[in-house]
C-alpha cells in the first residue's frame, strides 16, 4: 500500500478513475436500455446485477494481467492480416453491439406504431437480459482493463480506479436509466452512441484504431445539442 504515499501513483489513480468512469458510460447506457425491456420491478435488480458483473469481470481480468497481455498474440492470419484473441473479442462484441443497437432502434420505432394500434411491445426475460449484459460486459471490461494496464503499473492503483468507477456507475445508473427512458429522443441518441461504439470496436479489431478522444468528443457534442433541444422544448412548452 506504499502507492498511497506516492504522488505519481495518486495522480495516476485520479486520471485512471476519471477515464474508467468515461469508458463506463457506454456500458451503463447499454445496461440501462437492456434493463428497460424488463418489467418495472426487475429493472433496478438487472442494472445492479449487470454493473456488479462488470466489476467482477474487470477485477478478474486485472488479476490475470499476464493472460491479458497474451491476448494480443497473433493466433491466425487472413490475407496477411494477423488477428489476436483481443481482436476477435472486439470484433464479435462490436457486431453484437451493432445488432442489439439496430434491434432496439427498430423496436423503439415500431413500438410506437404498435402502441397506437393497441399491440403490446415485446419484452424480454430476466435471464436473457443478464446474458446480453454479460456478453457486452466482457467486451467493455476488456477495453477498460487494457486501458488501465497501459496507464498504471501498480495493480492496487488499477483495481482501486476500477472499483471507484463502478461505484459511481452504480450510484448513477438509476437517474441515467430514468432520464433515458423518459425522453425518447435521448434514448434514440443513446442507441446511436451504441452503434458508433460498435463500429469503433469492429474497426479496432481489424487494426484501424480510432482515438477514443474523437469518439467521446462527438458524443459530448451530441449530448450538448440534445440538451439545448430539451431546454428549447421546455421553454416553448412554458409559453
C-alpha atoms as a PDB file:
ATOM      1  CA  UNK A   1       0.000   0.000   0.000  1.00  0.00           C
ATOM      2  CA  UNK A   2       3.030   2.304  -0.354  1.00  0.00           C
ATOM      3  CA  UNK A   3       1.448   3.698  -3.522  1.00  0.00           C
ATOM      4  CA  UNK A   4      -0.900   5.754  -1.316  1.00  0.00           C
ATOM      5  CA  UNK A   5       2.088   7.910  -0.337  1.00  0.00           C
ATOM      6  CA  UNK A   6       3.393   8.185  -3.881  1.00  0.00           C
ATOM      7  CA  UNK A   7       2.256  11.416  -5.640  1.00  0.00           C
ATOM      8  CA  UNK A   8       2.747   9.846  -9.072  1.00  0.00           C
ATOM      9  CA  UNK A   9       0.600   6.874  -8.104  1.00  0.00           C
ATOM     10  CA  UNK A  10      -2.122   9.158  -6.736  1.00  0.00           C
ATOM     11  CA  UNK A  11      -2.061  11.217  -9.942  1.00  0.00           C
ATOM     12  CA  UNK A  12      -2.344   8.003 -11.955  1.00  0.00           C
ATOM     13  CA  UNK A  13      -5.242   6.899  -9.741  1.00  0.00           C
ATOM     14  CA  UNK A  14      -7.198  10.133 -10.272  1.00  0.00           C
ATOM     15  CA  UNK A  15      -6.540  10.151 -14.020  1.00  0.00           C
ATOM     16  CA  UNK A  16      -7.350   6.470 -14.436  1.00  0.00           C
ATOM     17  CA  UNK A  17     -10.506   6.733 -12.299  1.00  0.00           C
ATOM     18  CA  UNK A  18     -11.806   9.607 -14.438  1.00  0.00           C
ATOM     19  CA  UNK A  19     -11.008   7.664 -17.608  1.00  0.00           C
ATOM     20  CA  UNK A  20     -12.650   4.484 -16.289  1.00  0.00           C
ATOM     21  CA  UNK A  21     -15.822   6.455 -15.495  1.00  0.00           C
ATOM     22  CA  UNK A  22     -15.879   7.852 -19.033  1.00  0.00           C
ATOM     23  CA  UNK A  23     -15.234   4.384 -20.508  1.00  0.00           C
ATOM     24  CA  UNK A  24     -18.050   3.037 -18.323  1.00  0.00           C
ATOM     25  CA  UNK A  25     -20.656   5.355 -19.823  1.00  0.00           C
ATOM     26  CA  UNK A  26     -21.255   3.122 -22.860  1.00  0.00           C
ATOM     27  CA  UNK A  27     -21.522   0.096 -20.563  1.00  0.00           C
ATOM     28  CA  UNK A  28     -24.048   1.955 -18.387  1.00  0.00           C
ATOM     29  CA  UNK A  29     -26.119   3.062 -21.395  1.00  0.00           C
ATOM     30  CA  UNK A  30     -26.320  -0.497 -22.722  1.00  0.00           C
ATOM     31  CA  UNK A  31     -27.314  -1.872 -19.317  1.00  0.00           C
ATOM     32  CA  UNK A  32     -29.982   0.824 -18.858  1.00  0.00           C
ATOM     33  CA  UNK A  33     -31.538   0.208 -22.281  1.00  0.00           C
ATOM     34  CA  UNK A  34     -31.469  -3.583 -21.912  1.00  0.00           C
ATOM     35  CA  UNK A  35     -32.956  -3.481 -18.395  1.00  0.00           C
ATOM     36  CA  UNK A  36     -35.742  -1.146 -19.598  1.00  0.00           C
ATOM     37  CA  UNK A  37     -37.263  -4.047 -21.549  1.00  0.00           C
ATOM     38  CA  UNK A  38     -37.942  -5.919 -18.299  1.00  0.00           C
ATOM     39  CA  UNK A  39     -40.961  -5.477 -16.005  1.00  0.00           C
ATOM     40  CA  UNK A  40     -40.571  -2.395 -13.793  1.00  0.00           C
ATOM     41  CA  UNK A  41     -39.942  -4.406 -10.605  1.00  0.00           C
ATOM     42  CA  UNK A  42     -36.963  -6.227 -12.202  1.00  0.00           C
ATOM     43  CA  UNK A  43     -35.205  -3.293 -13.860  1.00  0.00           C
ATOM     44  CA  UNK A  44     -33.224  -1.990 -10.871  1.00  0.00           C
ATOM     45  CA  UNK A  45     -32.089  -5.526  -9.986  1.00  0.00           C
ATOM     46  CA  UNK A  46     -30.966  -6.180 -13.571  1.00  0.00           C
ATOM     47  CA  UNK A  47     -28.969  -2.933 -13.656  1.00  0.00           C
ATOM     48  CA  UNK A  48     -27.296  -3.681 -10.316  1.00  0.00           C
ATOM     49  CA  UNK A  49     -26.514  -7.277 -11.327  1.00  0.00           C
ATOM     50  CA  UNK A  50     -25.122  -6.056 -14.649  1.00  0.00           C
ATOM     51  CA  UNK A  51     -22.827  -3.499 -13.012  1.00  0.00           C
ATOM     52  CA  UNK A  52     -21.770  -5.993 -10.324  1.00  0.00           C
ATOM     53  CA  UNK A  53     -20.831  -8.450 -13.069  1.00  0.00           C
ATOM     54  CA  UNK A  54     -18.888  -5.661 -14.778  1.00  0.00           C
ATOM     55  CA  UNK A  55     -16.917  -5.059 -11.563  1.00  0.00           C
ATOM     56  CA  UNK A  56     -16.205  -8.767 -11.067  1.00  0.00           C
ATOM     57  CA  UNK A  57     -15.163  -9.098 -14.711  1.00  0.00           C
ATOM     58  CA  UNK A  58     -12.762  -6.155 -14.522  1.00  0.00           C
ATOM     59  CA  UNK A  59     -11.151  -7.306 -11.266  1.00  0.00           C
ATOM     60  CA  UNK A  60     -10.810 -10.866 -12.583  1.00  0.00           C
ATOM     61  CA  UNK A  61      -9.104  -9.581 -15.726  1.00  0.00           C
ATOM     62  CA  UNK A  62      -6.787  -7.349 -13.681  1.00  0.00           C
ATOM     63  CA  UNK A  63      -5.823 -10.364 -11.579  1.00  0.00           C
ATOM     64  CA  UNK A  64      -4.653 -12.128 -14.747  1.00  0.00           C
ATOM     65  CA  UNK A  65      -2.623  -9.411 -16.446  1.00  0.00           C
ATOM     66  CA  UNK A  66      -0.257 -11.961 -18.000  1.00  0.00           C
ATOM     67  CA  UNK A  67      -3.253 -13.562 -19.719  1.00  0.00           C
ATOM     68  CA  UNK A  68      -4.446 -10.132 -20.890  1.00  0.00           C
ATOM     69  CA  UNK A  69      -1.036  -9.469 -22.452  1.00  0.00           C
ATOM     70  CA  UNK A  70      -1.210 -12.895 -24.077  1.00  0.00           C
ATOM     71  CA  UNK A  71      -4.489 -11.960 -25.751  1.00  0.00           C
ATOM     72  CA  UNK A  72      -2.518  -9.669 -28.052  1.00  0.00           C
ATOM     73  CA  UNK A  73      -0.556 -12.586 -29.533  1.00  0.00           C
ATOM     74  CA  UNK A  74      -1.453 -13.419 -33.149  1.00  0.00           C
ATOM     75  CA  UNK A  75      -3.488 -16.638 -33.427  1.00  0.00           C
ATOM     76  CA  UNK A  76      -4.184 -16.653 -37.183  1.00  0.00           C
ATOM     77  CA  UNK A  77      -3.767 -14.554 -40.318  1.00  0.00           C
ATOM     78  CA  UNK A  78      -6.137 -13.683 -43.155  1.00  0.00           C
ATOM     79  CA  UNK A  79      -4.663 -12.118 -46.331  1.00  0.00           C
ATOM     80  CA  UNK A  80      -1.553 -11.164 -44.390  1.00  0.00           C
ATOM     81  CA  UNK A  81      -3.502  -9.512 -41.555  1.00  0.00           C
ATOM     82  CA  UNK A  82      -2.912 -11.092 -38.152  1.00  0.00           C
ATOM     83  CA  UNK A  83      -5.734 -11.449 -35.623  1.00  0.00           C
ATOM     84  CA  UNK A  84      -5.329 -11.938 -31.870  1.00  0.00           C
ATOM     85  CA  UNK A  85      -7.932 -13.096 -29.356  1.00  0.00           C
ATOM     86  CA  UNK A  86      -8.314  -9.446 -28.342  1.00  0.00           C
ATOM     87  CA  UNK A  87      -9.174  -8.565 -31.951  1.00  0.00           C
ATOM     88  CA  UNK A  88     -11.650 -11.428 -32.174  1.00  0.00           C
ATOM     89  CA  UNK A  89     -13.381 -10.384 -28.947  1.00  0.00           C
ATOM     90  CA  UNK A  90     -13.577  -6.737 -30.057  1.00  0.00           C
ATOM     91  CA  UNK A  91     -14.946  -7.659 -33.488  1.00  0.00           C
ATOM     92  CA  UNK A  92     -17.500 -10.052 -32.015  1.00  0.00           C
ATOM     93  CA  UNK A  93     -18.555  -7.542 -29.364  1.00  0.00           C
ATOM     94  CA  UNK A  94     -18.757  -4.740 -31.924  1.00  0.00           C
ATOM     95  CA  UNK A  95     -21.027  -6.735 -34.235  1.00  0.00           C
ATOM     96  CA  UNK A  96     -23.157  -7.784 -31.258  1.00  0.00           C
ATOM     97  CA  UNK A  97     -23.487  -4.127 -30.251  1.00  0.00           C
ATOM     98  CA  UNK A  98     -24.441  -3.170 -33.812  1.00  0.00           C
ATOM     99  CA  UNK A  99     -27.050  -5.940 -33.858  1.00  0.00           C
ATOM    100  CA  UNK A 100     -28.514  -5.005 -30.455  1.00  0.00           C
ATOM    101  CA  UNK A 101     -28.487  -1.282 -31.235  1.00  0.00           C
ATOM    102  CA  UNK A 102     -30.225  -1.811 -34.579  1.00  0.00           C
ATOM    103  CA  UNK A 103     -32.746  -4.160 -32.959  1.00  0.00           C
ATOM    104  CA  UNK A 104     -33.532  -1.671 -30.194  1.00  0.00           C
ATOM    105  CA  UNK A 105     -33.918   1.223 -32.663  1.00  0.00           C
ATOM    106  CA  UNK A 106     -36.249  -0.891 -34.800  1.00  0.00           C
ATOM    107  CA  UNK A 107     -38.360  -1.865 -31.805  1.00  0.00           C
ATOM    108  CA  UNK A 108     -38.366   1.720 -30.499  1.00  0.00           C
ATOM    109  CA  UNK A 109     -39.718   2.996 -33.814  1.00  0.00           C
ATOM    110  CA  UNK A 110     -42.056   0.080 -34.468  1.00  0.00           C
ATOM    111  CA  UNK A 111     -43.128   0.071 -30.830  1.00  0.00           C
ATOM    112  CA  UNK A 112     -44.780   3.483 -31.157  1.00  0.00           C
ATOM    113  CA  UNK A 113     -46.815   2.203 -34.093  1.00  0.00           C
ATOM    114  CA  UNK A 114     -47.739  -0.943 -32.166  1.00  0.00           C
ATOM    115  CA  UNK A 115     -48.814   1.077 -29.129  1.00  0.00           C
ATOM    116  CA  UNK A 116     -51.072   3.232 -31.324  1.00  0.00           C
ATOM    117  CA  UNK A 117     -52.620   0.113 -32.847  1.00  0.00           C
ATOM    118  CA  UNK A 118     -53.122  -1.455 -29.419  1.00  0.00           C
ATOM    119  CA  UNK A 119     -50.485  -4.174 -29.849  1.00  0.00           C
ATOM    120  CA  UNK A 120     -48.229  -4.745 -26.807  1.00  0.00           C
ATOM    121  CA  UNK A 121     -44.494  -4.353 -27.270  1.00  0.00           C
ATOM    122  CA  UNK A 122     -42.390  -7.476 -26.848  1.00  0.00           C
ATOM    123  CA  UNK A 123     -40.314  -7.572 -23.685  1.00  0.00           C
ATOM    124  CA  UNK A 124     -37.598  -9.963 -22.585  1.00  0.00           C
ATOM    125  CA  UNK A 125     -36.837 -12.308 -19.723  1.00  0.00           C
ATOM    126  CA  UNK A 126     -34.524 -11.552 -16.813  1.00  0.00           C
ATOM    127  CA  UNK A 127     -32.155 -14.334 -17.872  1.00  0.00           C
ATOM    128  CA  UNK A 128     -31.909 -13.090 -21.472  1.00  0.00           C
ATOM    129  CA  UNK A 129     -31.314  -9.524 -20.302  1.00  0.00           C
ATOM    130  CA  UNK A 130     -28.498 -10.600 -17.967  1.00  0.00           C
ATOM    131  CA  UNK A 131     -26.981 -12.794 -20.708  1.00  0.00           C
ATOM    132  CA  UNK A 132     -26.903  -9.812 -23.101  1.00  0.00           C
ATOM    133  CA  UNK A 133     -25.436  -7.558 -20.420  1.00  0.00           C
ATOM    134  CA  UNK A 134     -22.811 -10.179 -19.507  1.00  0.00           C
ATOM    135  CA  UNK A 135     -21.725 -10.563 -23.132  1.00  0.00           C
ATOM    136  CA  UNK A 136     -21.115  -6.832 -23.518  1.00  0.00           C
ATOM    137  CA  UNK A 137     -19.594  -6.613 -20.025  1.00  0.00           C
ATOM    138  CA  UNK A 138     -16.845  -8.917 -21.286  1.00  0.00           C
ATOM    139  CA  UNK A 139     -16.060  -6.614 -24.214  1.00  0.00           C
ATOM    140  CA  UNK A 140     -16.280  -3.365 -22.248  1.00  0.00           C
ATOM    141  CA  UNK A 141     -14.272  -4.864 -19.376  1.00  0.00           C
ATOM    142  CA  UNK A 142     -11.515  -5.976 -21.739  1.00  0.00           C
ATOM    143  CA  UNK A 143     -11.311  -2.473 -23.203  1.00  0.00           C
ATOM    144  CA  UNK A 144     -11.319  -0.944 -19.720  1.00  0.00           C
ATOM    145  CA  UNK A 145      -8.619  -3.244 -18.326  1.00  0.00           C
ATOM    146  CA  UNK A 146      -6.312  -2.863 -21.330  1.00  0.00           C
ATOM    147  CA  UNK A 147      -6.566   0.915 -20.827  1.00  0.00           C
ATOM    148  CA  UNK A 148      -5.806   0.516 -17.109  1.00  0.00           C
ATOM    149  CA  UNK A 149      -2.783  -1.705 -17.762  1.00  0.00           C
ATOM    150  CA  UNK A 150      -1.439   0.850 -20.219  1.00  0.00           C
ATOM    151  CA  UNK A 151      -1.734   3.750 -17.758  1.00  0.00           C
ATOM    152  CA  UNK A 152      -0.631   2.344 -14.402  1.00  0.00           C
ATOM    153  CA  UNK A 153       1.954  -0.097 -13.093  1.00  0.00           C
ATOM    154  CA  UNK A 154       0.539  -0.943  -9.668  1.00  0.00           C
ATOM    155  CA  UNK A 155      -2.281  -3.490  -9.507  1.00  0.00           C
ATOM    156  CA  UNK A 156      -3.742  -1.684  -6.484  1.00  0.00           C
ATOM    157  CA  UNK A 157      -3.976   1.584  -8.414  1.00  0.00           C
ATOM    158  CA  UNK A 158      -5.764  -0.148 -11.281  1.00  0.00           C
ATOM    159  CA  UNK A 159      -8.113  -2.099  -9.000  1.00  0.00           C
ATOM    160  CA  UNK A 160      -8.977   0.966  -6.895  1.00  0.00           C
ATOM    161  CA  UNK A 161      -9.723   3.036 -10.018  1.00  0.00           C
ATOM    162  CA  UNK A 162     -11.996   0.301 -11.392  1.00  0.00           C
ATOM    163  CA  UNK A 163     -13.853  -0.110  -8.067  1.00  0.00           C
ATOM    164  CA  UNK A 164     -14.416   3.652  -7.694  1.00  0.00           C
ATOM    165  CA  UNK A 165     -15.627   3.911 -11.308  1.00  0.00           C
ATOM    166  CA  UNK A 166     -18.139   1.070 -10.858  1.00  0.00           C
ATOM    167  CA  UNK A 167     -19.380   2.586  -7.565  1.00  0.00           C
ATOM    168  CA  UNK A 168     -20.013   5.859  -9.420  1.00  0.00           C
ATOM    169  CA  UNK A 169     -21.828   3.912 -12.141  1.00  0.00           C
ATOM    170  CA  UNK A 170     -23.953   2.129  -9.511  1.00  0.00           C
ATOM    171  CA  UNK A 171     -24.911   5.489  -7.998  1.00  0.00           C
ATOM    172  CA  UNK A 172     -25.710   6.980 -11.407  1.00  0.00           C
ATOM    173  CA  UNK A 173     -27.460   4.019 -13.010  1.00  0.00           C
ATOM    174  CA  UNK A 174     -30.926   4.808 -11.611  1.00  0.00           C
ATOM    175  CA  UNK A 175     -31.070   8.505 -12.619  1.00  0.00           C
ATOM    176  CA  UNK A 176     -29.437   7.816 -16.007  1.00  0.00           C
ATOM    177  CA  UNK A 177     -31.864   4.988 -16.761  1.00  0.00           C
ATOM    178  CA  UNK A 178     -34.920   7.030 -15.753  1.00  0.00           C
ATOM    179  CA  UNK A 179     -33.784  10.004 -17.827  1.00  0.00           C
ATOM    180  CA  UNK A 180     -33.078   7.886 -20.932  1.00  0.00           C
ATOM    181  CA  UNK A 181     -36.411   6.063 -20.708  1.00  0.00           C
ATOM    182  CA  UNK A 182     -38.389   9.251 -20.011  1.00  0.00           C
ATOM    183  CA  UNK A 183     -37.090  11.010 -23.135  1.00  0.00           C
ATOM    184  CA  UNK A 184     -37.474   9.079 -26.429  1.00  0.00           C
ATOM    185  CA  UNK A 185     -35.073  11.389 -28.310  1.00  0.00           C
ATOM    186  CA  UNK A 186     -32.394  10.830 -25.647  1.00  0.00           C
ATOM    187  CA  UNK A 187     -32.945   7.079 -25.879  1.00  0.00           C
ATOM    188  CA  UNK A 188     -32.537   7.226 -29.661  1.00  0.00           C
ATOM    189  CA  UNK A 189     -29.355   9.257 -29.197  1.00  0.00           C
ATOM    190  CA  UNK A 190     -28.058   6.701 -26.673  1.00  0.00           C
ATOM    191  CA  UNK A 191     -28.744   3.895 -29.159  1.00  0.00           C
ATOM    192  CA  UNK A 192     -26.892   5.865 -31.837  1.00  0.00           C
ATOM    193  CA  UNK A 193     -23.943   6.038 -29.405  1.00  0.00           C
ATOM    194  CA  UNK A 194     -24.013   2.260 -29.083  1.00  0.00           C
ATOM    195  CA  UNK A 195     -23.941   1.886 -32.883  1.00  0.00           C
ATOM    196  CA  UNK A 196     -21.000   4.296 -33.046  1.00  0.00           C
ATOM    197  CA  UNK A 197     -19.124   2.390 -30.347  1.00  0.00           C
ATOM    198  CA  UNK A 198     -19.903  -0.890 -32.137  1.00  0.00           C
ATOM    199  CA  UNK A 199     -18.314   0.450 -35.337  1.00  0.00           C
ATOM    200  CA  UNK A 200     -15.269   1.629 -33.360  1.00  0.00           C
ATOM    201  CA  UNK A 201     -14.851  -1.802 -31.728  1.00  0.00           C
ATOM    202  CA  UNK A 202     -15.059  -3.600 -35.082  1.00  0.00           C
ATOM    203  CA  UNK A 203     -12.605  -1.148 -36.663  1.00  0.00           C
ATOM    204  CA  UNK A 204     -10.202  -1.580 -33.736  1.00  0.00           C
ATOM    205  CA  UNK A 205     -10.431  -5.353 -34.076  1.00  0.00           C
ATOM    206  CA  UNK A 206      -9.444  -5.076 -37.749  1.00  0.00           C
ATOM    207  CA  UNK A 207      -6.483  -2.855 -36.883  1.00  0.00           C
ATOM    208  CA  UNK A 208      -7.978   0.565 -37.642  1.00  0.00           C
ATOM    209  CA  UNK A 209      -7.576   2.382 -34.343  1.00  0.00           C
ATOM    210  CA  UNK A 210      -9.961   5.294 -33.773  1.00  0.00           C
ATOM    211  CA  UNK A 211      -8.769   7.597 -30.951  1.00  0.00           C
ATOM    212  CA  UNK A 212     -11.312   7.429 -28.136  1.00  0.00           C
ATOM    213  CA  UNK A 213     -10.986  11.180 -27.644  1.00  0.00           C
ATOM    214  CA  UNK A 214     -12.660  11.810 -31.014  1.00  0.00           C
ATOM    215  CA  UNK A 215     -15.465   9.375 -30.219  1.00  0.00           C
ATOM    216  CA  UNK A 216     -16.249  10.850 -26.818  1.00  0.00           C
ATOM    217  CA  UNK A 217     -15.922  14.400 -28.167  1.00  0.00           C
ATOM    218  CA  UNK A 218     -18.591  13.560 -30.764  1.00  0.00           C
ATOM    219  CA  UNK A 219     -20.790  12.032 -28.070  1.00  0.00           C
ATOM    220  CA  UNK A 220     -20.319  15.071 -25.805  1.00  0.00           C
ATOM    221  CA  UNK A 221     -21.207  17.425 -28.690  1.00  0.00           C
ATOM    222  CA  UNK A 222     -24.368  15.419 -29.451  1.00  0.00           C
ATOM    223  CA  UNK A 223     -25.365  15.493 -25.777  1.00  0.00           C
ATOM    224  CA  UNK A 224     -24.924  19.280 -25.675  1.00  0.00           C
ATOM    225  CA  UNK A 225     -27.104  19.697 -28.783  1.00  0.00           C
ATOM    226  CA  UNK A 226     -29.776  17.415 -27.312  1.00  0.00           C
ATOM    227  CA  UNK A 227     -29.643  19.324 -24.010  1.00  0.00           C
ATOM    228  CA  UNK A 228     -30.221  22.594 -25.885  1.00  0.00           C
ATOM    229  CA  UNK A 229     -33.142  20.993 -27.766  1.00  0.00           C
ATOM    230  CA  UNK A 230     -34.571  19.770 -24.471  1.00  0.00           C
ATOM    231  CA  UNK A 231     -34.272  23.240 -22.932  1.00  0.00           C
ATOM    232  CA  UNK A 232     -35.902  24.803 -26.014  1.00  0.00           C
ATOM    233  CA  UNK A 233     -38.824  22.371 -25.840  1.00  0.00           C
ATOM    234  CA  UNK A 234     -39.336  23.084 -22.136  1.00  0.00           C
ATOM    235  CA  UNK A 235     -39.177  26.826 -22.732  1.00  0.00           C
ATOM    236  CA  UNK A 236     -41.577  26.560 -25.647  1.00  0.00           C
ATOM    237  CA  UNK A 237     -43.990  24.500 -23.549  1.00  0.00           C
ATOM    238  CA  UNK A 238     -43.999  27.072 -20.769  1.00  0.00           C
ATOM    239  CA  UNK A 239     -45.375  29.816 -23.052  1.00  0.00           C
END
